[in-house]
Amino acid sequence: MSTPLGERVREARLAKGLTLEALAEKVESSKSYMWQIENKDVARPSAEKLQQIAKVLDTTVEYLLAVETVTQEDATDTAFFRKYQRMNPRSKERLREMLKILDDEND
C-alpha cells in the first residue's frame, strides 16, 4: 500500500520522465529502496534522502511529505527560488536580465 509520500514521489518522478532506476541513481540509492518508498508504508527515508529526492524532482520536502496543502506548482516555485538563492551573483544577474526580457515581451 502506497503512502501520500510514495504517491507524490511517483507522480513527480513520472512528470520528470524518470524511471525508478534513473531516480535511484540520481539520489544514490537502490532501485528496490526507491520502489519501497513509492509502494510501501514501511519505508521511512531520512531527512537527507528526502532532500536529495526533492532536489532531483525540482520540488520540496514539504510537498513530498504532504505536510500541508502544498500544490506541485507551489513546490516547484519554492524549489526554483531555493536554487536561485544558492546561485553566484553573476548567475543571479543573468537570470534577472532574462526575466526582464520575458516581462517586456508580455507587456
PDB file of N, CA and C in Angstrom:
ATOM      1  N   MET A   1       0.843  -1.172   0.000  1.00  0.00           N
ATOM      2  CA  MET A   1       0.000   0.000   0.000  1.00  0.00           C
ATOM      3  C   MET A   1       0.893   1.242   0.000  1.00  0.00           C
ATOM      4  N   SER A   2       0.648   2.135  -0.936  1.00  0.00           N
ATOM      5  CA  SER A   2       1.476   3.331  -1.013  1.00  0.00           C
ATOM      6  C   SER A   2       0.973   4.381  -0.016  1.00  0.00           C
ATOM      7  N   THR A   3       1.831   5.329   0.264  1.00  0.00           N
ATOM      8  CA  THR A   3       1.521   6.422   1.190  1.00  0.00           C
ATOM      9  C   THR A   3       1.418   7.714   0.383  1.00  0.00           C
ATOM     10  N   PRO A   4       0.947   8.791   1.008  1.00  0.00           N
ATOM     11  CA  PRO A   4       0.969  10.074   0.284  1.00  0.00           C
ATOM     12  C   PRO A   4       2.380  10.425  -0.198  1.00  0.00           C
ATOM     13  N   LEU A   5       3.400  10.113   0.623  1.00  0.00           N
ATOM     14  CA  LEU A   5       4.791  10.350   0.196  1.00  0.00           C
ATOM     15  C   LEU A   5       5.094   9.554  -1.065  1.00  0.00           C
ATOM     16  N   GLY A   6       4.777   8.279  -1.046  1.00  0.00           N
ATOM     17  CA  GLY A   6       5.054   7.428  -2.201  1.00  0.00           C
ATOM     18  C   GLY A   6       4.324   7.889  -3.453  1.00  0.00           C
ATOM     19  N   GLU A   7       3.080   8.284  -3.267  1.00  0.00           N
ATOM     20  CA  GLU A   7       2.289   8.754  -4.413  1.00  0.00           C
ATOM     21  C   GLU A   7       2.887  10.033  -4.993  1.00  0.00           C
ATOM     22  N   ARG A   8       3.317  10.936  -4.121  1.00  0.00           N
ATOM     23  CA  ARG A   8       3.878  12.204  -4.623  1.00  0.00           C
ATOM     24  C   ARG A   8       5.250  12.005  -5.269  1.00  0.00           C
ATOM     25  N   VAL A   9       6.050  11.104  -4.717  1.00  0.00           N
ATOM     26  CA  VAL A   9       7.347  10.818  -5.341  1.00  0.00           C
ATOM     27  C   VAL A   9       7.111  10.224  -6.727  1.00  0.00           C
ATOM     28  N   ARG A  10       6.199   9.256  -6.834  1.00  0.00           N
ATOM     29  CA  ARG A  10       5.915   8.630  -8.129  1.00  0.00           C
ATOM     30  C   ARG A  10       5.390   9.653  -9.126  1.00  0.00           C
ATOM     31  N   GLU A  11       4.438  10.476  -8.668  1.00  0.00           N
ATOM     32  CA  GLU A  11       3.845  11.490  -9.549  1.00  0.00           C
ATOM     33  C   GLU A  11       4.915  12.456 -10.063  1.00  0.00           C
ATOM     34  N   ALA A  12       5.781  12.942  -9.172  1.00  0.00           N
ATOM     35  CA  ALA A  12       6.832  13.892  -9.577  1.00  0.00           C
ATOM     36  C   ALA A  12       7.872  13.207 -10.461  1.00  0.00           C
ATOM     37  N   ARG A  13       8.189  11.961 -10.141  1.00  0.00           N
ATOM     38  CA  ARG A  13       9.175  11.221 -10.950  1.00  0.00           C
ATOM     39  C   ARG A  13       8.661  11.039 -12.377  1.00  0.00           C
ATOM     40  N   LEU A  14       7.411  10.633 -12.501  1.00  0.00           N
ATOM     41  CA  LEU A  14       6.843  10.421 -13.834  1.00  0.00           C
ATOM     42  C   LEU A  14       6.729  11.742 -14.595  1.00  0.00           C
ATOM     43  N   ALA A  15       6.395  12.817 -13.882  1.00  0.00           N
ATOM     44  CA  ALA A  15       6.299  14.130 -14.537  1.00  0.00           C
ATOM     45  C   ALA A  15       7.649  14.563 -15.094  1.00  0.00           C
ATOM     46  N   LYS A  16       8.740  14.160 -14.429  1.00  0.00           N
ATOM     47  CA  LYS A  16      10.089  14.483 -14.908  1.00  0.00           C
ATOM     48  C   LYS A  16      10.571  13.496 -15.969  1.00  0.00           C
ATOM     49  N   GLY A  17       9.771  12.447 -16.228  1.00  0.00           N
ATOM     50  CA  GLY A  17      10.154  11.467 -17.230  1.00  0.00           C
ATOM     51  C   GLY A  17      11.266  10.534 -16.765  1.00  0.00           C
ATOM     52  N   LEU A  18      11.364  10.351 -15.456  1.00  0.00           N
ATOM     53  CA  LEU A  18      12.413   9.497 -14.912  1.00  0.00           C
ATOM     54  C   LEU A  18      11.871   8.098 -14.628  1.00  0.00           C
ATOM     55  N   THR A  19      12.696   7.114 -14.883  1.00  0.00           N
ATOM     56  CA  THR A  19      12.361   5.761 -14.453  1.00  0.00           C
ATOM     57  C   THR A  19      12.723   5.636 -12.977  1.00  0.00           C
ATOM     58  N   LEU A  20      12.219   4.594 -12.360  1.00  0.00           N
ATOM     59  CA  LEU A  20      12.567   4.336 -10.965  1.00  0.00           C
ATOM     60  C   LEU A  20      14.077   4.161 -10.825  1.00  0.00           C
ATOM     61  N   GLU A  21      14.669   3.477 -11.774  1.00  0.00           N
ATOM     62  CA  GLU A  21      16.112   3.235 -11.755  1.00  0.00           C
ATOM     63  C   GLU A  21      16.895   4.542 -11.914  1.00  0.00           C
ATOM     64  N   ALA A  22      16.433   5.413 -12.801  1.00  0.00           N
ATOM     65  CA  ALA A  22      17.130   6.691 -13.013  1.00  0.00           C
ATOM     66  C   ALA A  22      17.067   7.558 -11.766  1.00  0.00           C
ATOM     67  N   LEU A  23      15.900   7.596 -11.122  1.00  0.00           N
ATOM     68  CA  LEU A  23      15.791   8.372  -9.884  1.00  0.00           C
ATOM     69  C   LEU A  23      16.699   7.785  -8.811  1.00  0.00           C
ATOM     70  N   ALA A  24      16.696   6.479  -8.690  1.00  0.00           N
ATOM     71  CA  ALA A  24      17.542   5.820  -7.689  1.00  0.00           C
ATOM     72  C   ALA A  24      19.012   6.179  -7.908  1.00  0.00           C
ATOM     73  N   GLU A  25      19.439   6.174  -9.148  1.00  0.00           N
ATOM     74  CA  GLU A  25      20.832   6.502  -9.453  1.00  0.00           C
ATOM     75  C   GLU A  25      21.148   7.952  -9.076  1.00  0.00           C
ATOM     76  N   LYS A  26      20.231   8.860  -9.392  1.00  0.00           N
ATOM     77  CA  LYS A  26      20.462  10.282  -9.106  1.00  0.00           C
ATOM     78  C   LYS A  26      20.507  10.584  -7.612  1.00  0.00           C
ATOM     79  N   VAL A  27      19.793   9.803  -6.802  1.00  0.00           N
ATOM     80  CA  VAL A  27      19.797  10.050  -5.351  1.00  0.00           C
ATOM     81  C   VAL A  27      20.686   9.053  -4.612  1.00  0.00           C
ATOM     82  N   GLU A  28      21.472   8.318  -5.385  1.00  0.00           N
ATOM     83  CA  GLU A  28      22.452   7.373  -4.832  1.00  0.00           C
ATOM     84  C   GLU A  28      21.797   6.345  -3.903  1.00  0.00           C
ATOM     85  N   SER A  29      20.702   5.770  -4.399  1.00  0.00           N
ATOM     86  CA  SER A  29      20.002   4.711  -3.684  1.00  0.00           C
ATOM     87  C   SER A  29      19.783   3.556  -4.641  1.00  0.00           C
ATOM     88  N   SER A  30      19.280   2.475  -4.103  1.00  0.00           N
ATOM     89  CA  SER A  30      18.982   1.339  -4.971  1.00  0.00           C
ATOM     90  C   SER A  30      17.572   1.475  -5.548  1.00  0.00           C
ATOM     91  N   LYS A  31      17.353   0.816  -6.661  1.00  0.00           N
ATOM     92  CA  LYS A  31      16.030   0.821  -7.285  1.00  0.00           C
ATOM     93  C   LYS A  31      15.006   0.204  -6.337  1.00  0.00           C
ATOM     94  N   SER A  32      15.400  -0.841  -5.624  1.00  0.00           N
ATOM     95  CA  SER A  32      14.451  -1.501  -4.718  1.00  0.00           C
ATOM     96  C   SER A  32      14.065  -0.579  -3.554  1.00  0.00           C
ATOM     97  N   TYR A  33      15.008   0.223  -3.074  1.00  0.00           N
ATOM     98  CA  TYR A  33      14.682   1.159  -1.996  1.00  0.00           C
ATOM     99  C   TYR A  33      13.705   2.217  -2.492  1.00  0.00           C
ATOM    100  N   MET A  34      13.951   2.726  -3.700  1.00  0.00           N
ATOM    101  CA  MET A  34      13.033   3.730  -4.247  1.00  0.00           C
ATOM    102  C   MET A  34      11.658   3.117  -4.488  1.00  0.00           C
ATOM    103  N   TRP A  35      11.628   1.847  -4.900  1.00  0.00           N
ATOM    104  CA  TRP A  35      10.343   1.171  -5.088  1.00  0.00           C
ATOM    105  C   TRP A  35       9.604   1.095  -3.755  1.00  0.00           C
ATOM    106  N   GLN A  36      10.340   0.785  -2.683  1.00  0.00           N
ATOM    107  CA  GLN A  36       9.721   0.716  -1.356  1.00  0.00           C
ATOM    108  C   GLN A  36       9.154   2.066  -0.939  1.00  0.00           C
ATOM    109  N   ILE A  37       9.899   3.132  -1.219  1.00  0.00           N
ATOM    110  CA  ILE A  37       9.397   4.463  -0.864  1.00  0.00           C
ATOM    111  C   ILE A  37       8.086   4.740  -1.599  1.00  0.00           C
ATOM    112  N   GLU A  38       8.030   4.370  -2.860  1.00  0.00           N
ATOM    113  CA  GLU A  38       6.828   4.639  -3.637  1.00  0.00           C
ATOM    114  C   GLU A  38       5.667   3.702  -3.299  1.00  0.00           C
ATOM    115  N   ASN A  39       5.970   2.501  -2.859  1.00  0.00           N
ATOM    116  CA  ASN A  39       4.901   1.499  -2.761  1.00  0.00           C
ATOM    117  C   ASN A  39       4.637   0.907  -1.383  1.00  0.00           C
ATOM    118  N   LYS A  40       5.462   1.165  -0.417  1.00  0.00           N
ATOM    119  CA  LYS A  40       5.292   0.537   0.900  1.00  0.00           C
ATOM    120  C   LYS A  40       5.137   1.579   1.993  1.00  0.00           C
ATOM    121  N   ASP A  41       4.428   1.199   3.011  1.00  0.00           N
ATOM    122  CA  ASP A  41       4.234   2.075   4.149  1.00  0.00           C
ATOM    123  C   ASP A  41       5.423   2.022   5.109  1.00  0.00           C
ATOM    124  N   VAL A  42       6.253   1.006   4.977  1.00  0.00           N
ATOM    125  CA  VAL A  42       7.336   0.814   5.940  1.00  0.00           C
ATOM    126  C   VAL A  42       8.585   1.638   5.625  1.00  0.00           C
ATOM    127  N   ALA A  43       8.735   2.073   4.379  1.00  0.00           N
ATOM    128  CA  ALA A  43       9.934   2.824   4.002  1.00  0.00           C
ATOM    129  C   ALA A  43       9.881   4.214   4.619  1.00  0.00           C
ATOM    130  N   ARG A  44      10.869   4.542   5.427  1.00  0.00           N
ATOM    131  CA  ARG A  44      10.944   5.860   6.057  1.00  0.00           C
ATOM    132  C   ARG A  44      12.306   6.467   5.708  1.00  0.00           C
ATOM    133  N   PRO A  45      12.361   7.197   4.617  1.00  0.00           N
ATOM    134  CA  PRO A  45      13.647   7.773   4.215  1.00  0.00           C
ATOM    135  C   PRO A  45      14.118   8.838   5.202  1.00  0.00           C
ATOM    136  N   SER A  46      15.426   8.995   5.290  1.00  0.00           N
ATOM    137  CA  SER A  46      15.999  10.022   6.170  1.00  0.00           C
ATOM    138  C   SER A  46      15.699  11.406   5.602  1.00  0.00           C
ATOM    139  N   ALA A  47      15.876  12.404   6.449  1.00  0.00           N
ATOM    140  CA  ALA A  47      15.670  13.787   6.010  1.00  0.00           C
ATOM    141  C   ALA A  47      16.622  14.120   4.859  1.00  0.00           C
ATOM    142  N   GLU A  48      17.854  13.628   4.970  1.00  0.00           N
ATOM    143  CA  GLU A  48      18.841  13.884   3.912  1.00  0.00           C
ATOM    144  C   GLU A  48      18.401  13.239   2.594  1.00  0.00           C
ATOM    145  N   LYS A  49      17.904  12.022   2.671  1.00  0.00           N
ATOM    146  CA  LYS A  49      17.457  11.328   1.449  1.00  0.00           C
ATOM    147  C   LYS A  49      16.250  12.039   0.845  1.00  0.00           C
ATOM    148  N   LEU A  50      15.329  12.500   1.708  1.00  0.00           N
ATOM    149  CA  LEU A  50      14.171  13.228   1.200  1.00  0.00           C
ATOM    150  C   LEU A  50      14.600  14.507   0.496  1.00  0.00           C
ATOM    151  N   GLN A  51      15.605  15.185   1.047  1.00  0.00           N
ATOM    152  CA  GLN A  51      16.090  16.410   0.403  1.00  0.00           C
ATOM    153  C   GLN A  51      16.704  16.094  -0.951  1.00  0.00           C
ATOM    154  N   GLN A  52      17.435  14.995  -1.046  1.00  0.00           N
ATOM    155  CA  GLN A  52      18.016  14.595  -2.328  1.00  0.00           C
ATOM    156  C   GLN A  52      16.917  14.315  -3.349  1.00  0.00           C
ATOM    157  N   ILE A  53      15.908  13.584  -2.930  1.00  0.00           N
ATOM    158  CA  ILE A  53      14.808  13.246  -3.832  1.00  0.00           C
ATOM    159  C   ILE A  53      14.092  14.521  -4.282  1.00  0.00           C
ATOM    160  N   ALA A  54      13.795  15.408  -3.335  1.00  0.00           N
ATOM    161  CA  ALA A  54      13.103  16.654  -3.674  1.00  0.00           C
ATOM    162  C   ALA A  54      13.925  17.480  -4.654  1.00  0.00           C
ATOM    163  N   LYS A  55      15.237  17.545  -4.441  1.00  0.00           N
ATOM    164  CA  LYS A  55      16.111  18.329  -5.322  1.00  0.00           C
ATOM    165  C   LYS A  55      16.092  17.767  -6.740  1.00  0.00           C
ATOM    166  N   VAL A  56      16.217  16.470  -6.867  1.00  0.00           N
ATOM    167  CA  VAL A  56      16.218  15.848  -8.199  1.00  0.00           C
ATOM    168  C   VAL A  56      14.869  16.054  -8.893  1.00  0.00           C
ATOM    169  N   LEU A  57      13.790  16.038  -8.111  1.00  0.00           N
ATOM    170  CA  LEU A  57      12.458  16.159  -8.701  1.00  0.00           C
ATOM    171  C   LEU A  57      11.992  17.615  -8.802  1.00  0.00           C
ATOM    172  N   ASP A  58      12.892  18.569  -8.482  1.00  0.00           N
ATOM    173  CA  ASP A  58      12.554  20.007  -8.539  1.00  0.00           C
ATOM    174  C   ASP A  58      11.302  20.323  -7.728  1.00  0.00           C
ATOM    175  N   THR A  59      11.269  19.804  -6.516  1.00  0.00           N
ATOM    176  CA  THR A  59      10.144  20.087  -5.637  1.00  0.00           C
ATOM    177  C   THR A  59      10.683  20.281  -4.230  1.00  0.00           C
ATOM    178  N   THR A  60       9.816  20.257  -3.244  1.00  0.00           N
ATOM    179  CA  THR A  60      10.249  20.469  -1.861  1.00  0.00           C
ATOM    180  C   THR A  60       9.910  19.249  -1.005  1.00  0.00           C
ATOM    181  N   VAL A  61      10.604  19.134   0.107  1.00  0.00           N
ATOM    182  CA  VAL A  61      10.309  18.058   1.059  1.00  0.00           C
ATOM    183  C   VAL A  61       8.888  18.231   1.592  1.00  0.00           C
ATOM    184  N   GLU A  62       8.495  19.480   1.824  1.00  0.00           N
ATOM    185  CA  GLU A  62       7.156  19.754   2.351  1.00  0.00           C
ATOM    186  C   GLU A  62       6.089  19.200   1.415  1.00  0.00           C
ATOM    187  N   TYR A  63       6.284  19.376   0.114  1.00  0.00           N
ATOM    188  CA  TYR A  63       5.323  18.850  -0.844  1.00  0.00           C
ATOM    189  C   TYR A  63       5.314  17.327  -0.810  1.00  0.00           C
ATOM    190  N   LEU A  64       6.512  16.721  -0.812  1.00  0.00           N
ATOM    191  CA  LEU A  64       6.580  15.256  -0.832  1.00  0.00           C
ATOM    192  C   LEU A  64       5.925  14.656   0.408  1.00  0.00           C
ATOM    193  N   LEU A  65       6.089  15.292   1.548  1.00  0.00           N
ATOM    194  CA  LEU A  65       5.516  14.771   2.785  1.00  0.00           C
ATOM    195  C   LEU A  65       4.032  15.097   2.928  1.00  0.00           C
ATOM    196  N   ALA A  66       3.537  15.939   2.051  1.00  0.00           N
ATOM    197  CA  ALA A  66       2.131  16.333   2.094  1.00  0.00           C
ATOM    198  C   ALA A  66       1.776  16.852   3.485  1.00  0.00           C
ATOM    199  N   VAL A  67       2.740  17.598   4.077  1.00  0.00           N
ATOM    200  CA  VAL A  67       2.552  18.130   5.420  1.00  0.00           C
ATOM    201  C   VAL A  67       1.375  19.098   5.460  1.00  0.00           C
ATOM    202  N   GLU A  68       1.306  19.910   4.474  1.00  0.00           N
ATOM    203  CA  GLU A  68       0.220  20.866   4.387  1.00  0.00           C
ATOM    204  C   GLU A  68      -0.227  20.918   2.942  1.00  0.00           C
ATOM    205  N   THR A  69      -1.210  21.704   2.688  1.00  0.00           N
ATOM    206  CA  THR A  69      -1.718  21.790   1.335  1.00  0.00           C
ATOM    207  C   THR A  69      -0.750  22.582   0.473  1.00  0.00           C
ATOM    208  N   VAL A  70       0.199  21.878  -0.094  1.00  0.00           N
ATOM    209  CA  VAL A  70       1.188  22.484  -0.985  1.00  0.00           C
ATOM    210  C   VAL A  70       0.965  21.870  -2.361  1.00  0.00           C
ATOM    211  N   THR A  71       0.674  22.705  -3.326  1.00  0.00           N
ATOM    212  CA  THR A  71       0.485  22.193  -4.684  1.00  0.00           C
ATOM    213  C   THR A  71       1.847  21.950  -5.330  1.00  0.00           C
ATOM    214  N   GLN A  72       1.867  21.147  -6.364  1.00  0.00           N
ATOM    215  CA  GLN A  72       3.110  20.906  -7.082  1.00  0.00           C
ATOM    216  C   GLN A  72       3.657  22.207  -7.656  1.00  0.00           C
ATOM    217  N   GLU A  73       2.777  23.086  -8.113  1.00  0.00           N
ATOM    218  CA  GLU A  73       3.228  24.368  -8.669  1.00  0.00           C
ATOM    219  C   GLU A  73       3.914  25.199  -7.590  1.00  0.00           C
ATOM    220  N   ASP A  74       3.331  25.262  -6.394  1.00  0.00           N
ATOM    221  CA  ASP A  74       3.954  25.989  -5.281  1.00  0.00           C
ATOM    222  C   ASP A  74       5.317  25.384  -4.951  1.00  0.00           C
ATOM    223  N   ALA A  75       5.384  24.060  -4.916  1.00  0.00           N
ATOM    224  CA  ALA A  75       6.629  23.382  -4.574  1.00  0.00           C
ATOM    225  C   ALA A  75       7.695  23.630  -5.638  1.00  0.00           C
ATOM    226  N   THR A  76       7.290  23.645  -6.911  1.00  0.00           N
ATOM    227  CA  THR A  76       8.238  23.917  -7.994  1.00  0.00           C
ATOM    228  C   THR A  76       8.781  25.337  -7.868  1.00  0.00           C
ATOM    229  N   ASP A  77       7.899  26.290  -7.567  1.00  0.00           N
ATOM    230  CA  ASP A  77       8.341  27.678  -7.381  1.00  0.00           C
ATOM    231  C   ASP A  77       9.314  27.786  -6.204  1.00  0.00           C
ATOM    232  N   THR A  78       8.993  27.113  -5.110  1.00  0.00           N
ATOM    233  CA  THR A  78       9.862  27.149  -3.933  1.00  0.00           C
ATOM    234  C   THR A  78      11.217  26.523  -4.247  1.00  0.00           C
ATOM    235  N   ALA A  79      11.215  25.389  -4.938  1.00  0.00           N
ATOM    236  CA  ALA A  79      12.474  24.730  -5.300  1.00  0.00           C
ATOM    237  C   ALA A  79      13.300  25.631  -6.211  1.00  0.00           C
ATOM    238  N   PHE A  80      12.643  26.315  -7.156  1.00  0.00           N
ATOM    239  CA  PHE A  80      13.339  27.242  -8.047  1.00  0.00           C
ATOM    240  C   PHE A  80      13.961  28.377  -7.241  1.00  0.00           C
ATOM    241  N   PHE A  81      13.201  28.954  -6.313  1.00  0.00           N
ATOM    242  CA  PHE A  81      13.719  30.058  -5.509  1.00  0.00           C
ATOM    243  C   PHE A  81      14.911  29.615  -4.668  1.00  0.00           C
ATOM    244  N   ARG A  82      14.844  28.405  -4.127  1.00  0.00           N
ATOM    245  CA  ARG A  82      15.974  27.907  -3.336  1.00  0.00           C
ATOM    246  C   ARG A  82      17.221  27.738  -4.201  1.00  0.00           C
ATOM    247  N   LYS A  83      17.045  27.288  -5.441  1.00  0.00           N
ATOM    248  CA  LYS A  83      18.188  27.184  -6.364  1.00  0.00           C
ATOM    249  C   LYS A  83      18.746  28.570  -6.662  1.00  0.00           C
ATOM    250  N   TYR A  84      17.842  29.526  -6.867  1.00  0.00           N
ATOM    251  CA  TYR A  84      18.258  30.897  -7.143  1.00  0.00           C
ATOM    252  C   TYR A  84      19.101  31.443  -5.991  1.00  0.00           C
ATOM    253  N   GLN A  85      18.658  31.183  -4.766  1.00  0.00           N
ATOM    254  CA  GLN A  85      19.393  31.686  -3.603  1.00  0.00           C
ATOM    255  C   GLN A  85      20.809  31.130  -3.530  1.00  0.00           C
ATOM    256  N   ARG A  86      21.042  29.946  -4.055  1.00  0.00           N
ATOM    257  CA  ARG A  86      22.377  29.334  -3.998  1.00  0.00           C
ATOM    258  C   ARG A  86      23.266  29.736  -5.181  1.00  0.00           C
ATOM    259  N   MET A  87      22.708  30.458  -6.135  1.00  0.00           N
ATOM    260  CA  MET A  87      23.486  30.837  -7.324  1.00  0.00           C
ATOM    261  C   MET A  87      24.505  31.913  -6.976  1.00  0.00           C
ATOM    262  N   ASN A  88      25.565  31.993  -7.796  1.00  0.00           N
ATOM    263  CA  ASN A  88      26.537  33.066  -7.603  1.00  0.00           C
ATOM    264  C   ASN A  88      25.945  34.382  -8.127  1.00  0.00           C
ATOM    265  N   PRO A  89      26.489  35.530  -7.709  1.00  0.00           N
ATOM    266  CA  PRO A  89      25.913  36.834  -8.080  1.00  0.00           C
ATOM    267  C   PRO A  89      25.795  37.034  -9.601  1.00  0.00           C
ATOM    268  N   ARG A  90      26.765  36.573 -10.357  1.00  0.00           N
ATOM    269  CA  ARG A  90      26.720  36.740 -11.823  1.00  0.00           C
ATOM    270  C   ARG A  90      25.542  35.969 -12.431  1.00  0.00           C
ATOM    271  N   SER A  91      25.338  34.746 -11.974  1.00  0.00           N
ATOM    272  CA  SER A  91      24.229  33.947 -12.485  1.00  0.00           C
ATOM    273  C   SER A  91      22.890  34.555 -12.095  1.00  0.00           C
ATOM    274  N   LYS A  92      22.814  35.096 -10.867  1.00  0.00           N
ATOM    275  CA  LYS A  92      21.570  35.756 -10.454  1.00  0.00           C
ATOM    276  C   LYS A  92      21.271  36.949 -11.350  1.00  0.00           C
ATOM    277  N   GLU A  93      22.306  37.738 -11.653  1.00  0.00           N
ATOM    278  CA  GLU A  93      22.117  38.901 -12.505  1.00  0.00           C
ATOM    279  C   GLU A  93      21.640  38.486 -13.889  1.00  0.00           C
ATOM    280  N   ARG A  94      22.258  37.451 -14.442  1.00  0.00           N
ATOM    281  CA  ARG A  94      21.851  36.977 -15.774  1.00  0.00           C
ATOM    282  C   ARG A  94      20.401  36.507 -15.770  1.00  0.00           C
ATOM    283  N   LEU A  95      20.003  35.809 -14.717  1.00  0.00           N
ATOM    284  CA  LEU A  95      18.624  35.333 -14.622  1.00  0.00           C
ATOM    285  C   LEU A  95      17.651  36.502 -14.507  1.00  0.00           C
ATOM    286  N   ARG A  96      18.016  37.524 -13.726  1.00  0.00           N
ATOM    287  CA  ARG A  96      17.157  38.709 -13.602  1.00  0.00           C
ATOM    288  C   ARG A  96      17.014  39.413 -14.954  1.00  0.00           C
ATOM    289  N   GLU A  97      18.120  39.474 -15.724  1.00  0.00           N
ATOM    290  CA  GLU A  97      18.061  40.091 -17.057  1.00  0.00           C
ATOM    291  C   GLU A  97      17.118  39.297 -17.967  1.00  0.00           C
ATOM    292  N   MET A  98      17.183  37.965 -17.898  1.00  0.00           N
ATOM    293  CA  MET A  98      16.285  37.139 -18.726  1.00  0.00           C
ATOM    294  C   MET A  98      14.830  37.340 -18.310  1.00  0.00           C
ATOM    295  N   LEU A  99      14.586  37.457 -17.024  1.00  0.00           N
ATOM    296  CA  LEU A  99      13.226  37.686 -16.537  1.00  0.00           C
ATOM    297  C   LEU A  99      12.699  39.023 -17.029  1.00  0.00           C
ATOM    298  N   LYS A 100      13.567  40.045 -17.027  1.00  0.00           N
ATOM    299  CA  LYS A 100      13.149  41.371 -17.509  1.00  0.00           C
ATOM    300  C   LYS A 100      12.767  41.293 -18.985  1.00  0.00           C
ATOM    301  N   ILE A 101      13.537  40.548 -19.766  1.00  0.00           N
ATOM    302  CA  ILE A 101      13.220  40.397 -21.191  1.00  0.00           C
ATOM    303  C   ILE A 101      11.859  39.713 -21.352  1.00  0.00           C
ATOM    304  N   LEU A 102      11.613  38.671 -20.580  1.00  0.00           N
ATOM    305  CA  LEU A 102      10.330  37.974 -20.663  1.00  0.00           C
ATOM    306  C   LEU A 102       9.178  38.875 -20.234  1.00  0.00           C
ATOM    307  N   ASP A 103       9.400  39.662 -19.174  1.00  0.00           N
ATOM    308  CA  ASP A 103       8.368  40.597 -18.720  1.00  0.00           C
ATOM    309  C   ASP A 103       8.067  41.634 -19.788  1.00  0.00           C
ATOM    310  N   ASP A 104       9.130  42.165 -20.456  1.00  0.00           N
ATOM    311  CA  ASP A 104       8.939  43.170 -21.505  1.00  0.00           C
ATOM    312  C   ASP A 104       8.153  42.585 -22.674  1.00  0.00           C
ATOM    313  N   GLU A 105       8.373  41.305 -22.976  1.00  0.00           N
ATOM    314  CA  GLU A 105       7.645  40.667 -24.075  1.00  0.00           C
ATOM    315  C   GLU A 105       6.167  40.502 -23.750  1.00  0.00           C
ATOM    316  N   ASN A 106       5.849  40.371 -22.467  1.00  0.00           N
ATOM    317  CA  ASN A 106       4.451  40.182 -22.060  1.00  0.00           C
ATOM    318  C   ASN A 106       3.681  41.485 -21.912  1.00  0.00           C
ATOM    319  N   ASP A 107       4.401  42.605 -21.928  1.00  0.00           N
ATOM    320  CA  ASP A 107       3.714  43.912 -21.787  1.00  0.00           C
ATOM    321  C   ASP A 107       3.136  44.377 -23.096  1.00  0.00           C
TER     322      ASP A 107
END
